[in-house]
């Protein structure tokens, strides 16, 4: 997903399904070079999380989208 977002920096709204992030080390993801590039270049302002997520997963999405203006969880 990070590689895709890296090349689609003009997206303004992103929908996430946090289940694929269940077994991933979130700290190592944040330290990943691609994560750093994406978080510095993307223009995502609206995030929609379609399922329940943990607080750690939520923090990951917020760090990934520093220009976040609107957050919707489990619509």
PDB file of N, CA and C in Angstrom:
ATOM      1  N   UNK A   1       0.817  -1.181   0.000  1.00  0.00           N
ATOM      2  CA  UNK A   1       0.000   0.000   0.000  1.00  0.00           C
ATOM      3  C   UNK A   1       0.868   1.255   0.000  1.00  0.00           C
ATOM      4  N   UNK A   2       1.959   1.246   0.755  1.00  0.00           N
ATOM      5  CA  UNK A   2       2.822   2.421   0.811  1.00  0.00           C
ATOM      6  C   UNK A   2       3.409   2.747  -0.551  1.00  0.00           C
ATOM      7  N   UNK A   3       3.814   1.724  -1.276  1.00  0.00           N
ATOM      8  CA  UNK A   3       4.373   1.957  -2.617  1.00  0.00           C
ATOM      9  C   UNK A   3       3.335   2.597  -3.529  1.00  0.00           C
ATOM     10  N   UNK A   4       2.114   2.164  -3.424  1.00  0.00           N
ATOM     11  CA  UNK A   4       1.042   2.733  -4.235  1.00  0.00           C
ATOM     12  C   UNK A   4       0.815   4.199  -3.867  1.00  0.00           C
ATOM     13  N   UNK A   5       0.724   4.491  -2.591  1.00  0.00           N
ATOM     14  CA  UNK A   5       0.536   5.872  -2.146  1.00  0.00           C
ATOM     15  C   UNK A   5       1.721   6.761  -2.511  1.00  0.00           C
ATOM     16  N   UNK A   6       2.867   6.177  -2.575  1.00  0.00           N
ATOM     17  CA  UNK A   6       4.069   6.944  -2.942  1.00  0.00           C
ATOM     18  C   UNK A   6       3.929   7.559  -4.330  1.00  0.00           C
ATOM     19  N   UNK A   7       3.291   6.843  -5.246  1.00  0.00           N
ATOM     20  CA  UNK A   7       3.147   7.322  -6.615  1.00  0.00           C
ATOM     21  C   UNK A   7       1.807   7.998  -6.882  1.00  0.00           C
ATOM     22  N   UNK A   8       0.933   7.999  -5.896  1.00  0.00           N
ATOM     23  CA  UNK A   8      -0.371   8.660  -6.028  1.00  0.00           C
ATOM     24  C   UNK A   8      -0.491   9.762  -4.978  1.00  0.00           C
ATOM     25  N   UNK A   9       0.403  10.694  -5.026  1.00  0.00           N
ATOM     26  CA  UNK A   9       0.486  11.714  -3.983  1.00  0.00           C
ATOM     27  C   UNK A   9      -0.630  12.752  -4.045  1.00  0.00           C
ATOM     28  N   UNK A  10      -1.439  12.743  -5.089  1.00  0.00           N
ATOM     29  CA  UNK A  10      -2.486  13.753  -5.230  1.00  0.00           C
ATOM     30  C   UNK A  10      -3.856  13.278  -4.740  1.00  0.00           C
ATOM     31  N   UNK A  11      -3.904  12.137  -4.107  1.00  0.00           N
ATOM     32  CA  UNK A  11      -5.162  11.631  -3.552  1.00  0.00           C
ATOM     33  C   UNK A  11      -5.553  12.501  -2.361  1.00  0.00           C
ATOM     34  N   UNK A  12      -6.834  12.846  -2.278  1.00  0.00           N
ATOM     35  CA  UNK A  12      -7.309  13.670  -1.167  1.00  0.00           C
ATOM     36  C   UNK A  12      -8.113  12.864  -0.148  1.00  0.00           C
ATOM     37  N   UNK A  13      -8.673  11.745  -0.589  1.00  0.00           N
ATOM     38  CA  UNK A  13      -9.457  10.898   0.306  1.00  0.00           C
ATOM     39  C   UNK A  13      -8.956   9.466   0.191  1.00  0.00           C
ATOM     40  N   UNK A  14      -8.761   8.833   1.345  1.00  0.00           N
ATOM     41  CA  UNK A  14      -8.282   7.453   1.365  1.00  0.00           C
ATOM     42  C   UNK A  14      -9.164   6.628   2.285  1.00  0.00           C
ATOM     43  N   UNK A  15      -9.558   5.453   1.810  1.00  0.00           N
ATOM     44  CA  UNK A  15     -10.340   4.515   2.605  1.00  0.00           C
ATOM     45  C   UNK A  15      -9.403   3.397   3.037  1.00  0.00           C
ATOM     46  N   UNK A  16      -9.395   3.111   4.323  1.00  0.00           N
ATOM     47  CA  UNK A  16      -8.546   2.053   4.866  1.00  0.00           C
ATOM     48  C   UNK A  16      -9.406   0.954   5.475  1.00  0.00           C
ATOM     49  N   UNK A  17      -8.955  -0.265   5.310  1.00  0.00           N
ATOM     50  CA  UNK A  17      -9.491  -1.427   6.008  1.00  0.00           C
ATOM     51  C   UNK A  17      -8.360  -1.928   6.897  1.00  0.00           C
ATOM     52  N   UNK A  18      -8.399  -1.685   8.205  1.00  0.00           N
ATOM     53  CA  UNK A  18      -7.244  -1.959   9.065  1.00  0.00           C
ATOM     54  C   UNK A  18      -6.919  -3.430   9.300  1.00  0.00           C
ATOM     55  N   UNK A  19      -7.752  -4.355   8.921  1.00  0.00           N
ATOM     56  CA  UNK A  19      -7.472  -5.779   9.166  1.00  0.00           C
ATOM     57  C   UNK A  19      -6.112  -6.230   8.633  1.00  0.00           C
ATOM     58  N   UNK A  20      -5.685  -5.810   7.439  1.00  0.00           N
ATOM     59  CA  UNK A  20      -4.374  -6.254   6.961  1.00  0.00           C
ATOM     60  C   UNK A  20      -3.210  -5.787   7.838  1.00  0.00           C
ATOM     61  N   UNK A  21      -3.456  -4.842   8.724  1.00  0.00           N
ATOM     62  CA  UNK A  21      -2.399  -4.326   9.586  1.00  0.00           C
ATOM     63  C   UNK A  21      -2.345  -5.030  10.934  1.00  0.00           C
ATOM     64  N   UNK A  22      -3.162  -6.043  11.133  1.00  0.00           N
ATOM     65  CA  UNK A  22      -3.239  -6.722  12.431  1.00  0.00           C
ATOM     66  C   UNK A  22      -1.922  -7.333  12.874  1.00  0.00           C
ATOM     67  N   UNK A  23      -1.209  -7.976  11.997  1.00  0.00           N
ATOM     68  CA  UNK A  23      -0.002  -8.716  12.373  1.00  0.00           C
ATOM     69  C   UNK A  23       1.288  -8.026  11.930  1.00  0.00           C
ATOM     70  N   UNK A  24       1.240  -6.732  11.829  1.00  0.00           N
ATOM     71  CA  UNK A  24       2.394  -5.980  11.339  1.00  0.00           C
ATOM     72  C   UNK A  24       2.954  -5.136  12.485  1.00  0.00           C
ATOM     73  N   UNK A  25       4.258  -5.055  12.542  1.00  0.00           N
ATOM     74  CA  UNK A  25       4.924  -4.228  13.551  1.00  0.00           C
ATOM     75  C   UNK A  25       4.798  -2.764  13.128  1.00  0.00           C
ATOM     76  N   UNK A  26       3.911  -2.036  13.784  1.00  0.00           N
ATOM     77  CA  UNK A  26       3.604  -0.671  13.382  1.00  0.00           C
ATOM     78  C   UNK A  26       4.783   0.279  13.573  1.00  0.00           C
ATOM     79  N   UNK A  27       5.602   0.027  14.553  1.00  0.00           N
ATOM     80  CA  UNK A  27       6.767   0.889  14.793  1.00  0.00           C
ATOM     81  C   UNK A  27       7.771   0.747  13.657  1.00  0.00           C
ATOM     82  N   UNK A  28       8.014  -0.471  13.219  1.00  0.00           N
ATOM     83  CA  UNK A  28       8.957  -0.658  12.116  1.00  0.00           C
ATOM     84  C   UNK A  28       8.425  -0.064  10.819  1.00  0.00           C
ATOM     85  N   UNK A  29       7.117  -0.070  10.637  1.00  0.00           N
ATOM     86  CA  UNK A  29       6.535   0.560   9.453  1.00  0.00           C
ATOM     87  C   UNK A  29       6.812   2.059   9.469  1.00  0.00           C
ATOM     88  N   UNK A  30       6.636   2.674  10.621  1.00  0.00           N
ATOM     89  CA  UNK A  30       6.851   4.120  10.722  1.00  0.00           C
ATOM     90  C   UNK A  30       8.309   4.488  10.484  1.00  0.00           C
ATOM     91  N   UNK A  31       9.212   3.597  10.755  1.00  0.00           N
ATOM     92  CA  UNK A  31      10.631   3.863  10.557  1.00  0.00           C
ATOM     93  C   UNK A  31      11.087   3.542   9.139  1.00  0.00           C
ATOM     94  N   UNK A  32      10.200   2.959   8.361  1.00  0.00           N
ATOM     95  CA  UNK A  32      10.486   2.585   6.987  1.00  0.00           C
ATOM     96  C   UNK A  32      10.667   3.846   6.132  1.00  0.00           C
ATOM     97  N   UNK A  33      11.649   3.818   5.252  1.00  0.00           N
ATOM     98  CA  UNK A  33      11.936   4.981   4.396  1.00  0.00           C
ATOM     99  C   UNK A  33      10.745   5.342   3.507  1.00  0.00           C
ATOM    100  N   UNK A  34      10.073   4.343   2.959  1.00  0.00           N
ATOM    101  CA  UNK A  34       8.916   4.606   2.104  1.00  0.00           C
ATOM    102  C   UNK A  34       7.807   5.275   2.899  1.00  0.00           C
ATOM    103  N   UNK A  35       7.575   4.831   4.130  1.00  0.00           N
ATOM    104  CA  UNK A  35       6.573   5.451   4.988  1.00  0.00           C
ATOM    105  C   UNK A  35       6.903   6.930   5.184  1.00  0.00           C
ATOM    106  N   UNK A  36       8.156   7.233   5.442  1.00  0.00           N
ATOM    107  CA  UNK A  36       8.586   8.619   5.658  1.00  0.00           C
ATOM    108  C   UNK A  36       8.350   9.462   4.400  1.00  0.00           C
ATOM    109  N   UNK A  37       8.674   8.928   3.252  1.00  0.00           N
ATOM    110  CA  UNK A  37       8.460   9.650   1.995  1.00  0.00           C
ATOM    111  C   UNK A  37       6.984   9.908   1.763  1.00  0.00           C
ATOM    112  N   UNK A  38       6.169   8.874   1.936  1.00  0.00           N
ATOM    113  CA  UNK A  38       4.726   9.011   1.714  1.00  0.00           C
ATOM    114  C   UNK A  38       4.128  10.022   2.684  1.00  0.00           C
ATOM    115  N   UNK A  39       4.495   9.960   3.934  1.00  0.00           N
ATOM    116  CA  UNK A  39       3.918  10.887   4.912  1.00  0.00           C
ATOM    117  C   UNK A  39       4.324  12.333   4.632  1.00  0.00           C
ATOM    118  N   UNK A  40       5.470  12.533   4.002  1.00  0.00           N
ATOM    119  CA  UNK A  40       5.914  13.889   3.682  1.00  0.00           C
ATOM    120  C   UNK A  40       5.366  14.425   2.368  1.00  0.00           C
ATOM    121  N   UNK A  41       4.917  13.540   1.487  1.00  0.00           N
ATOM    122  CA  UNK A  41       4.503  13.994   0.158  1.00  0.00           C
ATOM    123  C   UNK A  41       3.019  13.845  -0.145  1.00  0.00           C
ATOM    124  N   UNK A  42       2.316  13.007   0.581  1.00  0.00           N
ATOM    125  CA  UNK A  42       0.916  12.798   0.207  1.00  0.00           C
ATOM    126  C   UNK A  42       0.047  13.991   0.616  1.00  0.00           C
ATOM    127  N   UNK A  43      -1.093  14.115  -0.032  1.00  0.00           N
ATOM    128  CA  UNK A  43      -2.031  15.203   0.222  1.00  0.00           C
ATOM    129  C   UNK A  43      -3.361  14.697   0.764  1.00  0.00           C
ATOM    130  N   UNK A  44      -3.332  13.561   1.407  1.00  0.00           N
ATOM    131  CA  UNK A  44      -4.564  12.978   1.930  1.00  0.00           C
ATOM    132  C   UNK A  44      -5.099  13.854   3.048  1.00  0.00           C
ATOM    133  N   UNK A  45      -6.327  14.330   2.867  1.00  0.00           N
ATOM    134  CA  UNK A  45      -6.959  15.206   3.860  1.00  0.00           C
ATOM    135  C   UNK A  45      -8.144  14.527   4.546  1.00  0.00           C
ATOM    136  N   UNK A  46      -8.682  13.520   3.889  1.00  0.00           N
ATOM    137  CA  UNK A  46      -9.831  12.796   4.422  1.00  0.00           C
ATOM    138  C   UNK A  46      -9.480  11.315   4.520  1.00  0.00           C
ATOM    139  N   UNK A  47      -9.671  10.744   5.686  1.00  0.00           N
ATOM    140  CA  UNK A  47      -9.420   9.321   5.893  1.00  0.00           C
ATOM    141  C   UNK A  47     -10.707   8.684   6.395  1.00  0.00           C
ATOM    142  N   UNK A  48     -11.054   7.582   5.755  1.00  0.00           N
ATOM    143  CA  UNK A  48     -12.224   6.807   6.159  1.00  0.00           C
ATOM    144  C   UNK A  48     -11.719   5.427   6.541  1.00  0.00           C
ATOM    145  N   UNK A  49     -11.951   5.029   7.768  1.00  0.00           N
ATOM    146  CA  UNK A  49     -11.560   3.705   8.250  1.00  0.00           C
ATOM    147  C   UNK A  49     -12.847   2.900   8.360  1.00  0.00           C
ATOM    148  N   UNK A  50     -12.949   1.856   7.557  1.00  0.00           N
ATOM    149  CA  UNK A  50     -14.205   1.126   7.397  1.00  0.00           C
ATOM    150  C   UNK A  50     -14.491   0.084   8.468  1.00  0.00           C
ATOM    151  N   UNK A  51     -13.560  -0.194   9.330  1.00  0.00           N
ATOM    152  CA  UNK A  51     -13.753  -1.190  10.377  1.00  0.00           C
ATOM    153  C   UNK A  51     -13.183  -0.646  11.674  1.00  0.00           C
ATOM    154  N   UNK A  52     -13.474  -1.351  12.744  1.00  0.00           N
ATOM    155  CA  UNK A  52     -12.842  -0.978  14.003  1.00  0.00           C
ATOM    156  C   UNK A  52     -11.334  -1.108  13.865  1.00  0.00           C
ATOM    157  N   UNK A  53     -10.622  -0.263  14.572  1.00  0.00           N
ATOM    158  CA  UNK A  53      -9.167  -0.361  14.539  1.00  0.00           C
ATOM    159  C   UNK A  53      -8.627  -0.097  15.940  1.00  0.00           C
ATOM    160  N   UNK A  54      -7.414  -0.532  16.149  1.00  0.00           N
ATOM    161  CA  UNK A  54      -6.783  -0.297  17.438  1.00  0.00           C
ATOM    162  C   UNK A  54      -6.260   1.140  17.477  1.00  0.00           C
ATOM    163  N   UNK A  55      -5.937   1.596  18.662  1.00  0.00           N
ATOM    164  CA  UNK A  55      -5.387   2.928  18.814  1.00  0.00           C
ATOM    165  C   UNK A  55      -4.051   3.036  18.080  1.00  0.00           C
ATOM    166  N   UNK A  56      -3.258   1.980  18.103  1.00  0.00           N
ATOM    167  CA  UNK A  56      -1.974   1.973  17.404  1.00  0.00           C
ATOM    168  C   UNK A  56      -2.170   2.097  15.891  1.00  0.00           C
ATOM    169  N   UNK A  57      -3.163   1.399  15.359  1.00  0.00           N
ATOM    170  CA  UNK A  57      -3.450   1.506  13.935  1.00  0.00           C
ATOM    171  C   UNK A  57      -3.915   2.923  13.590  1.00  0.00           C
ATOM    172  N   UNK A  58      -4.731   3.495  14.434  1.00  0.00           N
ATOM    173  CA  UNK A  58      -5.209   4.857  14.222  1.00  0.00           C
ATOM    174  C   UNK A  58      -4.043   5.843  14.194  1.00  0.00           C
ATOM    175  N   UNK A  59      -3.106   5.677  15.123  1.00  0.00           N
ATOM    176  CA  UNK A  59      -1.935   6.547  15.136  1.00  0.00           C
ATOM    177  C   UNK A  59      -1.138   6.399  13.847  1.00  0.00           C
ATOM    178  N   UNK A  60      -1.032   5.189  13.354  1.00  0.00           N
ATOM    179  CA  UNK A  60      -0.310   4.957  12.103  1.00  0.00           C
ATOM    180  C   UNK A  60      -0.946   5.751  10.963  1.00  0.00           C
ATOM    181  N   UNK A  61      -2.264   5.714  10.854  1.00  0.00           N
ATOM    182  CA  UNK A  61      -2.952   6.442   9.790  1.00  0.00           C
ATOM    183  C   UNK A  61      -2.770   7.950   9.946  1.00  0.00           C
ATOM    184  N   UNK A  62      -2.794   8.425  11.167  1.00  0.00           N
ATOM    185  CA  UNK A  62      -2.606   9.860  11.419  1.00  0.00           C
ATOM    186  C   UNK A  62      -1.183  10.285  11.072  1.00  0.00           C
ATOM    187  N   UNK A  63      -0.199   9.492  11.444  1.00  0.00           N
ATOM    188  CA  UNK A  63       1.191   9.804  11.089  1.00  0.00           C
ATOM    189  C   UNK A  63       1.399   9.738   9.577  1.00  0.00           C
ATOM    190  N   UNK A  64       0.725   8.808   8.941  1.00  0.00           N
ATOM    191  CA  UNK A  64       0.854   8.656   7.498  1.00  0.00           C
ATOM    192  C   UNK A  64       0.242   9.840   6.752  1.00  0.00           C
ATOM    193  N   UNK A  65      -0.761  10.459   7.344  1.00  0.00           N
ATOM    194  CA  UNK A  65      -1.502  11.550   6.695  1.00  0.00           C
ATOM    195  C   UNK A  65      -1.430  12.821   7.551  1.00  0.00           C
ATOM    196  N   UNK A  66      -0.314  13.503   7.569  1.00  0.00           N
ATOM    197  CA  UNK A  66      -0.157  14.668   8.438  1.00  0.00           C
ATOM    198  C   UNK A  66      -1.039  15.857   8.051  1.00  0.00           C
ATOM    199  N   UNK A  67      -1.601  15.864   6.868  1.00  0.00           N
ATOM    200  CA  UNK A  67      -2.491  16.946   6.437  1.00  0.00           C
ATOM    201  C   UNK A  67      -3.953  16.614   6.694  1.00  0.00           C
ATOM    202  N   UNK A  68      -4.176  15.615   7.497  1.00  0.00           N
ATOM    203  CA  UNK A  68      -5.523  15.127   7.799  1.00  0.00           C
ATOM    204  C   UNK A  68      -6.414  16.242   8.338  1.00  0.00           C
ATOM    205  N   UNK A  69      -7.612  16.357   7.766  1.00  0.00           N
ATOM    206  CA  UNK A  69      -8.591  17.330   8.210  1.00  0.00           C
ATOM    207  C   UNK A  69      -9.870  16.662   8.692  1.00  0.00           C
ATOM    208  N   UNK A  70     -10.182  15.511   8.125  1.00  0.00           N
ATOM    209  CA  UNK A  70     -11.407  14.815   8.505  1.00  0.00           C
ATOM    210  C   UNK A  70     -11.121  13.328   8.648  1.00  0.00           C
ATOM    211  N   UNK A  71     -11.582  12.752   9.740  1.00  0.00           N
ATOM    212  CA  UNK A  71     -11.390  11.336  10.023  1.00  0.00           C
ATOM    213  C   UNK A  71     -12.737  10.720  10.347  1.00  0.00           C
ATOM    214  N   UNK A  72     -13.077   9.653   9.637  1.00  0.00           N
ATOM    215  CA  UNK A  72     -14.316   8.914   9.890  1.00  0.00           C
ATOM    216  C   UNK A  72     -13.952   7.466  10.167  1.00  0.00           C
ATOM    217  N   UNK A  73     -14.489   6.916  11.228  1.00  0.00           N
ATOM    218  CA  UNK A  73     -14.190   5.537  11.596  1.00  0.00           C
ATOM    219  C   UNK A  73     -15.473   4.719  11.620  1.00  0.00           C
ATOM    220  N   UNK A  74     -15.414   3.579  10.932  1.00  0.00           N
ATOM    221  CA  UNK A  74     -16.501   2.602  10.855  1.00  0.00           C
ATOM    222  C   UNK A  74     -17.846   3.242  10.524  1.00  0.00           C
ATOM    223  N   UNK A  75     -17.957   3.624   9.288  1.00  0.00           N
ATOM    224  CA  UNK A  75     -19.196   4.244   8.800  1.00  0.00           C
ATOM    225  C   UNK A  75     -20.239   3.165   8.603  1.00  0.00           C
TER     226      UNK A  75
END
